[in-house]
Amino acid sequence: KSFQGLPPGLRGVHALRAMVYDTQVQGIMMMQALSEPKKP
């Protein structure tokens, strides 16, 4: 509900942050899938 009340610019900023977080996680997942980390 707080997100819905934000101005469009601030909603865009939050969405960009969420995208950056998702790509970071995706990168970790792919690299761990190609290896066997000692502390995954």
PDB file of all heavy atoms in Angstrom:
ATOM      1  N   LYS A   1       0.834  -1.207   0.000  1.00  0.00           N
ATOM      2  CA  LYS A   1       0.000   0.000   0.000  1.00  0.00           C
ATOM      3  C   LYS A   1       0.866   1.253   0.000  1.00  0.00           C
ATOM      4  O   LYS A   1       0.542   2.254  -0.654  1.00  0.00           O
ATOM      5  CB  LYS A   1      -0.941  -0.015   1.197  1.00  0.00           C
ATOM      6  CG  LYS A   1      -2.051  -1.066   1.087  1.00  0.00           C
ATOM      7  CD  LYS A   1      -3.026  -0.965   2.241  1.00  0.00           C
ATOM      8  CE  LYS A   1      -4.160  -1.984   2.085  1.00  0.00           C
ATOM      9  NZ  LYS A   1      -5.123  -1.918   3.213  1.00  0.00           N
ATOM     10  N   SER A   2       1.992   1.205   0.728  1.00  0.00           N
ATOM     11  CA  SER A   2       2.906   2.348   0.722  1.00  0.00           C
ATOM     12  C   SER A   2       3.488   2.557  -0.668  1.00  0.00           C
ATOM     13  O   SER A   2       3.636   3.698  -1.137  1.00  0.00           O
ATOM     14  CB  SER A   2       4.034   2.126   1.731  1.00  0.00           C
ATOM     15  OG  SER A   2       3.526   2.010   3.042  1.00  0.00           O
ATOM     16  N   PHE A   3       3.799   1.450  -1.348  1.00  0.00           N
ATOM     17  CA  PHE A   3       4.349   1.542  -2.706  1.00  0.00           C
ATOM     18  C   PHE A   3       3.351   2.218  -3.641  1.00  0.00           C
ATOM     19  O   PHE A   3       3.720   3.071  -4.459  1.00  0.00           O
ATOM     20  CB  PHE A   3       4.697   0.142  -3.217  1.00  0.00           C
ATOM     21  CG  PHE A   3       5.274   0.114  -4.602  1.00  0.00           C
ATOM     22  CD1 PHE A   3       6.599   0.443  -4.814  1.00  0.00           C
ATOM     23  CD2 PHE A   3       4.496  -0.243  -5.688  1.00  0.00           C
ATOM     24  CE1 PHE A   3       7.143   0.423  -6.090  1.00  0.00           C
ATOM     25  CE2 PHE A   3       5.016  -0.271  -6.966  1.00  0.00           C
ATOM     26  CZ  PHE A   3       6.351   0.062  -7.170  1.00  0.00           C
ATOM     27  N   GLN A   4       2.078   1.847  -3.511  1.00  0.00           N
ATOM     28  CA  GLN A   4       1.055   2.445  -4.375  1.00  0.00           C
ATOM     29  C   GLN A   4       0.927   3.945  -4.163  1.00  0.00           C
ATOM     30  O   GLN A   4       0.572   4.688  -5.083  1.00  0.00           O
ATOM     31  CB  GLN A   4      -0.300   1.782  -4.110  1.00  0.00           C
ATOM     32  CG  GLN A   4      -0.422   0.377  -4.679  1.00  0.00           C
ATOM     33  CD  GLN A   4      -1.796  -0.211  -4.424  1.00  0.00           C
ATOM     34  OE1 GLN A   4      -2.373  -0.033  -3.357  1.00  0.00           O
ATOM     35  NE2 GLN A   4      -2.322  -0.919  -5.420  1.00  0.00           N
ATOM     36  N   GLY A   5       1.258   4.400  -2.962  1.00  0.00           N
ATOM     37  CA  GLY A   5       1.127   5.815  -2.664  1.00  0.00           C
ATOM     38  C   GLY A   5       2.328   6.653  -3.060  1.00  0.00           C
ATOM     39  O   GLY A   5       2.294   7.880  -2.945  1.00  0.00           O
ATOM     40  N   LEU A   6       3.389   6.005  -3.545  1.00  0.00           N
ATOM     41  CA  LEU A   6       4.590   6.748  -3.922  1.00  0.00           C
ATOM     42  C   LEU A   6       4.408   7.441  -5.268  1.00  0.00           C
ATOM     43  O   LEU A   6       3.683   6.948  -6.138  1.00  0.00           O
ATOM     44  CB  LEU A   6       5.789   5.795  -4.020  1.00  0.00           C
ATOM     45  CG  LEU A   6       6.306   5.174  -2.727  1.00  0.00           C
ATOM     46  CD1 LEU A   6       7.389   4.146  -3.039  1.00  0.00           C
ATOM     47  CD2 LEU A   6       6.843   6.239  -1.786  1.00  0.00           C
ATOM     48  N   PRO A   7       5.081   8.568  -5.497  1.00  0.00           N
ATOM     49  CA  PRO A   7       5.094   9.175  -6.838  1.00  0.00           C
ATOM     50  C   PRO A   7       5.742   8.205  -7.831  1.00  0.00           C
ATOM     51  O   PRO A   7       6.565   7.369  -7.442  1.00  0.00           O
ATOM     52  CB  PRO A   7       5.958  10.430  -6.654  1.00  0.00           C
ATOM     53  CG  PRO A   7       5.989  10.685  -5.193  1.00  0.00           C
ATOM     54  CD  PRO A   7       5.847   9.359  -4.523  1.00  0.00           C
ATOM     55  N   PRO A   8       5.392   8.290  -9.111  1.00  0.00           N
ATOM     56  CA  PRO A   8       5.942   7.363 -10.104  1.00  0.00           C
ATOM     57  C   PRO A   8       7.470   7.305 -10.108  1.00  0.00           C
ATOM     58  O   PRO A   8       8.048   6.232 -10.278  1.00  0.00           O
ATOM     59  CB  PRO A   8       5.396   7.911 -11.431  1.00  0.00           C
ATOM     60  CG  PRO A   8       4.125   8.594 -11.056  1.00  0.00           C
ATOM     61  CD  PRO A   8       4.370   9.187  -9.704  1.00  0.00           C
ATOM     62  N   GLY A   9       8.120   8.457  -9.914  1.00  0.00           N
ATOM     63  CA  GLY A   9       9.584   8.462  -9.915  1.00  0.00           C
ATOM     64  C   GLY A   9      10.159   7.599  -8.808  1.00  0.00           C
ATOM     65  O   GLY A   9      11.106   6.838  -9.026  1.00  0.00           O
ATOM     66  N   LEU A  10       9.584   7.691  -7.616  1.00  0.00           N
ATOM     67  CA  LEU A  10      10.073   6.894  -6.491  1.00  0.00           C
ATOM     68  C   LEU A  10       9.745   5.414  -6.673  1.00  0.00           C
ATOM     69  O   LEU A  10      10.518   4.540  -6.268  1.00  0.00           O
ATOM     70  CB  LEU A  10       9.492   7.420  -5.185  1.00  0.00           C
ATOM     71  CG  LEU A  10      10.021   8.785  -4.728  1.00  0.00           C
ATOM     72  CD1 LEU A  10       9.304   9.238  -3.465  1.00  0.00           C
ATOM     73  CD2 LEU A  10      11.525   8.726  -4.492  1.00  0.00           C
ATOM     74  N   ARG A  11       8.605   5.125  -7.292  1.00  0.00           N
ATOM     75  CA  ARG A  11       8.286   3.724  -7.588  1.00  0.00           C
ATOM     76  C   ARG A  11       9.319   3.150  -8.551  1.00  0.00           C
ATOM     77  O   ARG A  11       9.743   2.006  -8.430  1.00  0.00           O
ATOM     78  CB  ARG A  11       6.880   3.605  -8.159  1.00  0.00           C
ATOM     79  CG  ARG A  11       5.790   3.546  -7.098  1.00  0.00           C
ATOM     80  CD  ARG A  11       4.423   3.353  -7.710  1.00  0.00           C
ATOM     81  NE  ARG A  11       3.837   4.621  -8.118  1.00  0.00           N
ATOM     82  CZ  ARG A  11       2.769   4.741  -8.888  1.00  0.00           C
ATOM     83  NH1 ARG A  11       2.182   3.657  -9.362  1.00  0.00           N
ATOM     84  NH2 ARG A  11       2.285   5.927  -9.183  1.00  0.00           N
ATOM     85  N   GLY A  12       9.718   3.974  -9.536  1.00  0.00           N
ATOM     86  CA  GLY A  12      10.735   3.522 -10.489  1.00  0.00           C
ATOM     87  C   GLY A  12      12.062   3.257  -9.813  1.00  0.00           C
ATOM     88  O   GLY A  12      12.749   2.284 -10.136  1.00  0.00           O
ATOM     89  N   VAL A  13      12.450   4.113  -8.881  1.00  0.00           N
ATOM     90  CA  VAL A  13      13.704   3.926  -8.152  1.00  0.00           C
ATOM     91  C   VAL A  13      13.676   2.615  -7.377  1.00  0.00           C
ATOM     92  O   VAL A  13      14.640   1.835  -7.388  1.00  0.00           O
ATOM     93  CB  VAL A  13      13.962   5.115  -7.201  1.00  0.00           C
ATOM     94  CG1 VAL A  13      15.119   4.799  -6.254  1.00  0.00           C
ATOM     95  CG2 VAL A  13      14.259   6.372  -8.003  1.00  0.00           C
ATOM     96  N   HIS A  14      12.558   2.357  -6.693  1.00  0.00           N
ATOM     97  CA  HIS A  14      12.463   1.116  -5.922  1.00  0.00           C
ATOM     98  C   HIS A  14      12.496  -0.104  -6.841  1.00  0.00           C
ATOM     99  O   HIS A  14      13.153  -1.106  -6.529  1.00  0.00           O
ATOM    100  CB  HIS A  14      11.190   1.093  -5.078  1.00  0.00           C
ATOM    101  CG  HIS A  14      11.119  -0.112  -4.181  1.00  0.00           C
ATOM    102  ND1 HIS A  14      11.736  -0.168  -2.965  1.00  0.00           N
ATOM    103  CD2 HIS A  14      10.549  -1.329  -4.378  1.00  0.00           C
ATOM    104  CE1 HIS A  14      11.536  -1.353  -2.422  1.00  0.00           C
ATOM    105  NE2 HIS A  14      10.813  -2.076  -3.258  1.00  0.00           N
ATOM    106  N   ALA A  15      11.808  -0.030  -7.971  1.00  0.00           N
ATOM    107  CA  ALA A  15      11.808  -1.148  -8.910  1.00  0.00           C
ATOM    108  C   ALA A  15      13.217  -1.413  -9.443  1.00  0.00           C
ATOM    109  O   ALA A  15      13.620  -2.565  -9.626  1.00  0.00           O
ATOM    110  CB  ALA A  15      10.846  -0.864 -10.066  1.00  0.00           C
ATOM    111  N   LEU A  16      13.990  -0.338  -9.683  1.00  0.00           N
ATOM    112  CA  LEU A  16      15.367  -0.495 -10.154  1.00  0.00           C
ATOM    113  C   LEU A  16      16.217  -1.187  -9.099  1.00  0.00           C
ATOM    114  O   LEU A  16      17.008  -2.099  -9.415  1.00  0.00           O
ATOM    115  CB  LEU A  16      15.954   0.872 -10.501  1.00  0.00           C
ATOM    116  CG  LEU A  16      17.415   0.894 -10.962  1.00  0.00           C
ATOM    117  CD1 LEU A  16      17.601   0.072 -12.228  1.00  0.00           C
ATOM    118  CD2 LEU A  16      17.888   2.334 -11.185  1.00  0.00           C
ATOM    119  N   ARG A  17      16.063  -0.795  -7.847  1.00  0.00           N
ATOM    120  CA  ARG A  17      16.808  -1.451  -6.769  1.00  0.00           C
ATOM    121  C   ARG A  17      16.466  -2.934  -6.691  1.00  0.00           C
ATOM    122  O   ARG A  17      17.345  -3.781  -6.491  1.00  0.00           O
ATOM    123  CB  ARG A  17      16.501  -0.784  -5.424  1.00  0.00           C
ATOM    124  CG  ARG A  17      17.095   0.589  -5.242  1.00  0.00           C
ATOM    125  CD  ARG A  17      16.955   1.037  -3.796  1.00  0.00           C
ATOM    126  NE  ARG A  17      17.720   0.171  -2.907  1.00  0.00           N
ATOM    127  CZ  ARG A  17      17.440  -0.032  -1.622  1.00  0.00           C
ATOM    128  NH1 ARG A  17      16.384   0.557  -1.079  1.00  0.00           N
ATOM    129  NH2 ARG A  17      18.187  -0.822  -0.879  1.00  0.00           N
ATOM    130  N   ALA A  18      15.185  -3.252  -6.852  1.00  0.00           N
ATOM    131  CA  ALA A  18      14.762  -4.649  -6.810  1.00  0.00           C
ATOM    132  C   ALA A  18      15.368  -5.435  -7.966  1.00  0.00           C
ATOM    133  O   ALA A  18      15.784  -6.590  -7.805  1.00  0.00           O
ATOM    134  CB  ALA A  18      13.235  -4.740  -6.840  1.00  0.00           C
ATOM    135  N   MET A  19      15.450  -4.814  -9.158  1.00  0.00           N
ATOM    136  CA  MET A  19      16.046  -5.481 -10.310  1.00  0.00           C
ATOM    137  C   MET A  19      17.530  -5.760 -10.075  1.00  0.00           C
ATOM    138  O   MET A  19      18.033  -6.850 -10.391  1.00  0.00           O
ATOM    139  CB  MET A  19      15.875  -4.628 -11.558  1.00  0.00           C
ATOM    140  CG  MET A  19      16.386  -5.278 -12.833  1.00  0.00           C
ATOM    141  SD  MET A  19      16.857  -4.084 -14.111  1.00  0.00           S
ATOM    142  CE  MET A  19      18.388  -3.424 -13.424  1.00  0.00           C
ATOM    143  N   VAL A  20      18.243  -4.784  -9.524  1.00  0.00           N
ATOM    144  CA  VAL A  20      19.668  -4.970  -9.246  1.00  0.00           C
ATOM    145  C   VAL A  20      19.868  -6.122  -8.272  1.00  0.00           C
ATOM    146  O   VAL A  20      20.753  -6.975  -8.452  1.00  0.00           O
ATOM    147  CB  VAL A  20      20.280  -3.667  -8.692  1.00  0.00           C
ATOM    148  CG1 VAL A  20      21.694  -3.914  -8.179  1.00  0.00           C
ATOM    149  CG2 VAL A  20      20.297  -2.591  -9.781  1.00  0.00           C
ATOM    150  N   TYR A  21      19.033  -6.172  -7.230  1.00  0.00           N
ATOM    151  CA  TYR A  21      19.128  -7.266  -6.254  1.00  0.00           C
ATOM    152  C   TYR A  21      18.896  -8.611  -6.930  1.00  0.00           C
ATOM    153  O   TYR A  21      19.641  -9.577  -6.707  1.00  0.00           O
ATOM    154  CB  TYR A  21      18.112  -7.051  -5.132  1.00  0.00           C
ATOM    155  CG  TYR A  21      18.067  -8.176  -4.122  1.00  0.00           C
ATOM    156  CD1 TYR A  21      18.956  -8.208  -3.054  1.00  0.00           C
ATOM    157  CD2 TYR A  21      17.142  -9.216  -4.242  1.00  0.00           C
ATOM    158  CE1 TYR A  21      18.923  -9.241  -2.129  1.00  0.00           C
ATOM    159  CE2 TYR A  21      17.103 -10.247  -3.327  1.00  0.00           C
ATOM    160  CZ  TYR A  21      17.994 -10.261  -2.272  1.00  0.00           C
ATOM    161  OH  TYR A  21      17.963 -11.298  -1.362  1.00  0.00           O
ATOM    162  N   ASP A  22      17.880  -8.684  -7.791  1.00  0.00           N
ATOM    163  CA  ASP A  22      17.560  -9.945  -8.470  1.00  0.00           C
ATOM    164  C   ASP A  22      18.704 -10.421  -9.354  1.00  0.00           C
ATOM    165  O   ASP A  22      19.026 -11.616  -9.393  1.00  0.00           O
ATOM    166  CB  ASP A  22      16.293  -9.796  -9.311  1.00  0.00           C
ATOM    167  CG  ASP A  22      15.033  -9.651  -8.469  1.00  0.00           C
ATOM    168  OD1 ASP A  22      15.087  -9.981  -7.271  1.00  0.00           O
ATOM    169  OD2 ASP A  22      14.007  -9.195  -9.008  1.00  0.00           O
ATOM    170  N   THR A  23      19.338  -9.501 -10.084  1.00  0.00           N
ATOM    171  CA  THR A  23      20.440  -9.910 -10.955  1.00  0.00           C
ATOM    172  C   THR A  23      21.645 -10.369 -10.137  1.00  0.00           C
ATOM    173  O   THR A  23      22.369 -11.274 -10.549  1.00  0.00           O
ATOM    174  CB  THR A  23      20.856  -8.776 -11.909  1.00  0.00           C
ATOM    175  OG1 THR A  23      21.254  -7.631 -11.155  1.00  0.00           O
ATOM    176  CG2 THR A  23      19.723  -8.399 -12.845  1.00  0.00           C
ATOM    177  N   GLN A  24      21.850  -9.766  -8.969  1.00  0.00           N
ATOM    178  CA  GLN A  24      22.936 -10.226  -8.104  1.00  0.00           C
ATOM    179  C   GLN A  24      22.695 -11.665  -7.658  1.00  0.00           C
ATOM    180  O   GLN A  24      23.599 -12.508  -7.710  1.00  0.00           O
ATOM    181  CB  GLN A  24      23.049  -9.332  -6.869  1.00  0.00           C
ATOM    182  CG  GLN A  24      23.632  -7.973  -7.158  1.00  0.00           C
ATOM    183  CD  GLN A  24      23.894  -7.184  -5.889  1.00  0.00           C
ATOM    184  OE1 GLN A  24      24.066  -5.992  -5.953  1.00  0.00           O
ATOM    185  NE2 GLN A  24      23.932  -7.819  -4.742  1.00  0.00           N
ATOM    186  N   VAL A  25      21.477 -11.936  -7.222  1.00  0.00           N
ATOM    187  CA  VAL A  25      21.139 -13.289  -6.777  1.00  0.00           C
ATOM    188  C   VAL A  25      21.265 -14.279  -7.931  1.00  0.00           C
ATOM    189  O   VAL A  25      21.773 -15.396  -7.769  1.00  0.00           O
ATOM    190  CB  VAL A  25      19.725 -13.315  -6.169  1.00  0.00           C
ATOM    191  CG1 VAL A  25      19.296 -14.745  -5.858  1.00  0.00           C
ATOM    192  CG2 VAL A  25      19.671 -12.464  -4.900  1.00  0.00           C
ATOM    193  N   GLN A  26      20.812 -13.869  -9.121  1.00  0.00           N
ATOM    194  CA  GLN A  26      20.908 -14.737 -10.284  1.00  0.00           C
ATOM    195  C   GLN A  26      22.365 -15.073 -10.584  1.00  0.00           C
ATOM    196  O   GLN A  26      22.707 -16.209 -10.923  1.00  0.00           O
ATOM    197  CB  GLN A  26      20.272 -14.051 -11.503  1.00  0.00           C
ATOM    198  CG  GLN A  26      20.101 -14.947 -12.719  1.00  0.00           C
ATOM    199  CD  GLN A  26      18.930 -15.907 -12.584  1.00  0.00           C
ATOM    200  OE1 GLN A  26      18.128 -15.762 -11.674  1.00  0.00           O
ATOM    201  NE2 GLN A  26      18.847 -16.872 -13.472  1.00  0.00           N
ATOM    202  N   GLY A  27      23.238 -14.078 -10.461  1.00  0.00           N
ATOM    203  CA  GLY A  27      24.655 -14.323 -10.701  1.00  0.00           C
ATOM    204  C   GLY A  27      25.239 -15.309  -9.712  1.00  0.00           C
ATOM    205  O   GLY A  27      26.009 -16.206 -10.091  1.00  0.00           O
ATOM    206  N   ILE A  28      24.891 -15.169  -8.442  1.00  0.00           N
ATOM    207  CA  ILE A  28      25.373 -16.108  -7.427  1.00  0.00           C
ATOM    208  C   ILE A  28      24.879 -17.519  -7.731  1.00  0.00           C
ATOM    209  O   ILE A  28      25.640 -18.492  -7.667  1.00  0.00           O
ATOM    210  CB  ILE A  28      24.913 -15.670  -6.024  1.00  0.00           C
ATOM    211  CG1 ILE A  28      25.522 -14.322  -5.661  1.00  0.00           C
ATOM    212  CG2 ILE A  28      25.274 -16.719  -4.975  1.00  0.00           C
ATOM    213  CD1 ILE A  28      24.911 -13.677  -4.425  1.00  0.00           C
ATOM    214  N   MET A  29      23.601 -17.631  -8.076  1.00  0.00           N
ATOM    215  CA  MET A  29      23.020 -18.938  -8.364  1.00  0.00           C
ATOM    216  C   MET A  29      23.741 -19.604  -9.527  1.00  0.00           C
ATOM    217  O   MET A  29      24.087 -20.794  -9.468  1.00  0.00           O
ATOM    218  CB  MET A  29      21.536 -18.791  -8.675  1.00  0.00           C
ATOM    219  CG  MET A  29      20.823 -20.120  -8.959  1.00  0.00           C
ATOM    220  SD  MET A  29      19.019 -19.943  -9.041  1.00  0.00           S
ATOM    221  CE  MET A  29      18.843 -18.926 -10.508  1.00  0.00           C
ATOM    222  N   MET A  30      24.000 -18.858 -10.604  1.00  0.00           N
ATOM    223  CA  MET A  30      24.665 -19.425 -11.771  1.00  0.00           C
ATOM    224  C   MET A  30      26.090 -19.844 -11.445  1.00  0.00           C
ATOM    225  O   MET A  30      26.537 -20.922 -11.851  1.00  0.00           O
ATOM    226  CB  MET A  30      24.657 -18.420 -12.920  1.00  0.00           C
ATOM    227  CG  MET A  30      23.291 -18.196 -13.544  1.00  0.00           C
ATOM    228  SD  MET A  30      22.572 -19.726 -14.212  1.00  0.00           S
ATOM    229  CE  MET A  30      23.786 -20.151 -15.461  1.00  0.00           C
ATOM    230  N   MET A  31      26.820 -19.018 -10.722  1.00  0.00           N
ATOM    231  CA  MET A  31      28.202 -19.358 -10.407  1.00  0.00           C
ATOM    232  C   MET A  31      28.281 -20.568  -9.477  1.00  0.00           C
ATOM    233  O   MET A  31      29.157 -21.430  -9.636  1.00  0.00           O
ATOM    234  CB  MET A  31      28.910 -18.154  -9.779  1.00  0.00           C
ATOM    235  CG  MET A  31      29.071 -16.957 -10.723  1.00  0.00           C
ATOM    236  SD  MET A  31      29.868 -17.356 -12.299  1.00  0.00           S
ATOM    237  CE  MET A  31      31.466 -17.916 -11.747  1.00  0.00           C
ATOM    238  N   GLN A  32      27.362 -20.657  -8.511  1.00  0.00           N
ATOM    239  CA  GLN A  32      27.366 -21.830  -7.628  1.00  0.00           C
ATOM    240  C   GLN A  32      26.962 -23.088  -8.380  1.00  0.00           C
ATOM    241  O   GLN A  32      27.430 -24.195  -8.071  1.00  0.00           O
ATOM    242  CB  GLN A  32      26.457 -21.595  -6.418  1.00  0.00           C
ATOM    243  CG  GLN A  32      27.007 -20.529  -5.487  1.00  0.00           C
ATOM    244  CD  GLN A  32      26.328 -20.477  -4.126  1.00  0.00           C
ATOM    245  OE1 GLN A  32      26.898 -19.938  -3.179  1.00  0.00           O
ATOM    246  NE2 GLN A  32      25.132 -21.004  -3.986  1.00  0.00           N
ATOM    247  N   ALA A  33      26.116 -22.933  -9.411  1.00  0.00           N
ATOM    248  CA  ALA A  33      25.698 -24.088 -10.207  1.00  0.00           C
ATOM    249  C   ALA A  33      26.831 -24.642 -11.048  1.00  0.00           C
ATOM    250  O   ALA A  33      26.775 -25.796 -11.487  1.00  0.00           O
ATOM    251  CB  ALA A  33      24.527 -23.709 -11.111  1.00  0.00           C
ATOM    252  N   LEU A  34      27.868 -23.839 -11.266  1.00  0.00           N
ATOM    253  CA  LEU A  34      29.007 -24.272 -12.088  1.00  0.00           C
ATOM    254  C   LEU A  34      30.212 -24.661 -11.245  1.00  0.00           C
ATOM    255  O   LEU A  34      31.287 -24.937 -11.777  1.00  0.00           O
ATOM    256  CB  LEU A  34      29.405 -23.145 -13.050  1.00  0.00           C
ATOM    257  CG  LEU A  34      28.320 -22.684 -14.032  1.00  0.00           C
ATOM    258  CD1 LEU A  34      28.809 -21.481 -14.829  1.00  0.00           C
ATOM    259  CD2 LEU A  34      27.912 -23.818 -14.966  1.00  0.00           C
ATOM    260  N   SER A  35      30.007 -24.706  -9.932  1.00  0.00           N
ATOM    261  CA  SER A  35      31.138 -24.958  -9.035  1.00  0.00           C
ATOM    262  C   SER A  35      30.661 -25.728  -7.815  1.00  0.00           C
ATOM    263  O   SER A  35      29.497 -26.146  -7.740  1.00  0.00           O
ATOM    264  CB  SER A  35      31.771 -23.624  -8.616  1.00  0.00           C
ATOM    265  OG  SER A  35      30.809 -22.826  -7.925  1.00  0.00           O
ATOM    266  N   GLU A  36      31.544 -25.914  -6.866  1.00  0.00           N
ATOM    267  CA  GLU A  36      31.196 -26.579  -5.604  1.00  0.00           C
ATOM    268  C   GLU A  36      31.807 -25.774  -4.449  1.00  0.00           C
ATOM    269  O   GLU A  36      32.832 -26.154  -3.887  1.00  0.00           O
ATOM    270  CB  GLU A  36      31.704 -28.022  -5.591  1.00  0.00           C
ATOM    271  CG  GLU A  36      30.993 -28.931  -6.599  1.00  0.00           C
ATOM    272  CD  GLU A  36      31.531 -30.345  -6.620  1.00  0.00           C
ATOM    273  OE1 GLU A  36      32.652 -30.566  -6.083  1.00  0.00           O
ATOM    274  OE2 GLU A  36      30.852 -31.240  -7.149  1.00  0.00           O
ATOM    275  N   PRO A  37      31.192 -24.625  -4.109  1.00  0.00           N
ATOM    276  CA  PRO A  37      31.772 -23.778  -3.056  1.00  0.00           C
ATOM    277  C   PRO A  37      31.893 -24.517  -1.733  1.00  0.00           C
ATOM    278  O   PRO A  37      31.023 -25.309  -1.362  1.00  0.00           O
ATOM    279  CB  PRO A  37      30.768 -22.621  -2.946  1.00  0.00           C
ATOM    280  CG  PRO A  37      29.977 -22.656  -4.210  1.00  0.00           C
ATOM    281  CD  PRO A  37      29.936 -24.081  -4.637  1.00  0.00           C
ATOM    282  N   LYS A  38      32.967 -24.237  -1.012  1.00  0.00           N
ATOM    283  CA  LYS A  38      33.150 -24.856   0.302  1.00  0.00           C
ATOM    284  C   LYS A  38      32.126 -24.332   1.297  1.00  0.00           C
ATOM    285  O   LYS A  38      31.654 -25.053   2.180  1.00  0.00           O
ATOM    286  CB  LYS A  38      34.569 -24.598   0.802  1.00  0.00           C
ATOM    287  CG  LYS A  38      35.649 -25.345   0.010  1.00  0.00           C
ATOM    288  CD  LYS A  38      37.037 -25.042   0.560  1.00  0.00           C
ATOM    289  CE  LYS A  38      38.080 -25.901  -0.149  1.00  0.00           C
ATOM    290  NZ  LYS A  38      38.162 -25.591  -1.593  1.00  0.00           N
ATOM    291  N   LYS A  39      31.773 -23.065   1.163  1.00  0.00           N
ATOM    292  CA  LYS A  39      30.760 -22.453   2.022  1.00  0.00           C
ATOM    293  C   LYS A  39      29.733 -21.770   1.125  1.00  0.00           C
ATOM    294  O   LYS A  39      29.775 -20.548   0.940  1.00  0.00           O
ATOM    295  CB  LYS A  39      31.410 -21.460   2.993  1.00  0.00           C
ATOM    296  CG  LYS A  39      32.376 -22.119   3.966  1.00  0.00           C
ATOM    297  CD  LYS A  39      32.979 -21.102   4.926  1.00  0.00           C
ATOM    298  CE  LYS A  39      33.941 -21.780   5.897  1.00  0.00           C
ATOM    299  NZ  LYS A  39      34.562 -20.803   6.844  1.00  0.00           N
ATOM    300  N   PRO A  40      28.802 -22.539   0.567  1.00  0.00           N
ATOM    301  CA  PRO A  40      27.856 -21.957  -0.401  1.00  0.00           C
ATOM    302  C   PRO A  40      26.939 -20.925   0.229  1.00  0.00           C
ATOM    303  O   PRO A  40      26.591 -21.013   1.411  1.00  0.00           O
ATOM    304  CB  PRO A  40      27.078 -23.171  -0.913  1.00  0.00           C
ATOM    305  CG  PRO A  40      27.231 -24.215   0.149  1.00  0.00           C
ATOM    306  CD  PRO A  40      28.575 -23.983   0.762  1.00  0.00           C
TER     307      PRO A  40
END
